[in-house]
Amino acid sequence: MPSETHRSIAIADKNPVIRTGLADIVARDGRFVMTAAVSTGAALLDLVAAQTVDIAIIGWALPDMTGGDVLAELKKRKSQTRTIVYT
């Protein structure tokens, strides 16, 4: 479990190269704990429902939904996960 000073991060992107690169950057930063890197919005939503994710970094175009769809679902679920969406 991440401590108060270590925030858990999950990544969602359709491109495995992007997922791997972002995960590597996060893993090298001592302030964060890399939780998971997934390829779909549904997988990210399942992850957030199953465990605490402090920050989600997601690509706008996922295979199953857009970043906007993910944001809407997180809001609907009243998720505390802060989300960064990039294009």
Protein backbone atom coordinates (compact mmCIF):
# COMPACT_ATOMS: atom_id res chain seq x y z
CA MET A 1 0.00 0.00 0.00
CA PRO A 2 1.43 3.39 -0.95
CA SER A 3 2.34 5.68 1.92
CA GLU A 4 1.13 9.25 2.31
CA THR A 5 4.11 10.46 0.28
CA HIS A 6 3.81 7.82 -2.45
CA ARG A 7 0.87 8.17 -4.81
CA SER A 8 -0.35 5.15 -6.78
CA ILE A 9 -0.57 5.64 -10.52
CA ALA A 10 -2.32 3.62 -13.22
CA ILE A 11 -1.87 4.14 -16.95
CA ALA A 12 -4.31 3.36 -19.76
CA ASP A 13 -3.21 3.62 -23.38
CA LYS A 14 -3.86 1.51 -26.47
CA ASN A 15 -0.20 1.61 -27.51
CA PRO A 16 2.08 -0.83 -25.63
CA VAL A 17 5.15 1.33 -26.32
CA ILE A 18 3.50 4.35 -24.71
CA ARG A 19 2.30 2.27 -21.73
CA THR A 20 5.79 0.87 -21.18
CA GLY A 21 7.48 4.26 -21.54
CA LEU A 22 5.11 6.03 -19.14
CA ALA A 23 5.34 3.17 -16.63
CA ASP A 24 9.13 3.40 -16.75
CA ILE A 25 9.08 7.15 -16.11
CA VAL A 26 6.68 6.73 -13.18
CA ALA A 27 8.66 3.83 -11.71
CA ARG A 28 11.84 5.94 -11.69
CA ASP A 29 10.19 8.73 -9.68
CA GLY A 30 10.35 7.98 -5.97
CA ARG A 31 7.15 9.90 -5.26
CA PHE A 32 4.96 7.39 -7.06
CA VAL A 33 4.10 3.69 -7.08
CA MET A 34 3.20 2.18 -10.43
CA THR A 35 -0.04 0.24 -9.96
CA ALA A 36 -0.77 -1.05 -13.46
CA ALA A 37 -0.64 -0.21 -17.16
CA VAL A 38 -3.70 -1.37 -19.09
CA SER A 39 -4.86 -1.08 -22.70
CA THR A 40 -8.58 -0.25 -22.34
CA GLY A 41 -10.87 2.08 -20.49
CA ALA A 42 -12.85 -0.86 -19.10
CA ALA A 43 -9.69 -2.37 -17.63
CA LEU A 44 -8.84 0.95 -15.98
CA LEU A 45 -12.35 1.28 -14.54
CA ASP A 46 -12.16 -2.29 -13.19
CA LEU A 47 -8.79 -1.52 -11.62
CA VAL A 48 -10.03 1.68 -9.98
CA ALA A 49 -13.06 -0.22 -8.61
CA ALA A 50 -10.86 -2.98 -7.18
CA GLN A 51 -8.11 -0.93 -5.54
CA THR A 52 -7.05 2.58 -4.67
CA VAL A 53 -5.57 4.48 -7.58
CA ASP A 54 -4.61 8.03 -6.71
CA ILE A 55 -3.82 9.18 -10.26
CA ALA A 56 -4.83 7.76 -13.64
CA ILE A 57 -2.95 8.80 -16.77
CA ILE A 58 -4.99 7.95 -19.84
CA GLY A 59 -4.82 8.46 -23.56
CA TRP A 60 -7.84 10.10 -25.19
CA ALA A 61 -8.41 7.35 -27.76
CA LEU A 62 -8.71 3.94 -26.13
CA PRO A 63 -9.93 0.87 -28.06
CA ASP A 64 -13.25 0.71 -26.22
CA MET A 65 -13.99 4.33 -25.23
CA THR A 66 -12.67 7.87 -25.22
CA GLY A 67 -10.97 9.65 -22.37
CA GLY A 68 -14.21 11.62 -22.01
CA ASP A 69 -16.15 8.39 -21.53
CA VAL A 70 -13.71 7.28 -18.82
CA LEU A 71 -13.98 10.66 -17.08
CA ALA A 72 -17.80 10.51 -17.19
CA GLU A 73 -17.82 7.00 -15.70
CA LEU A 74 -15.36 7.95 -12.95
CA LYS A 75 -17.56 10.94 -12.10
CA LYS A 76 -20.69 8.76 -12.10
CA ARG A 77 -18.97 6.36 -9.69
CA LYS A 78 -17.84 9.30 -7.52
CA SER A 79 -14.26 8.09 -7.85
CA GLN A 80 -11.56 9.95 -5.93
CA THR A 81 -9.00 9.09 -8.63
CA ARG A 82 -7.45 12.21 -10.16
CA THR A 83 -7.19 11.81 -13.90
CA ILE A 84 -4.82 13.19 -16.51
CA VAL A 85 -6.01 12.78 -20.09
CA TYR A 86 -3.64 13.36 -22.99
CA THR A 87 -4.03 13.33 -26.75
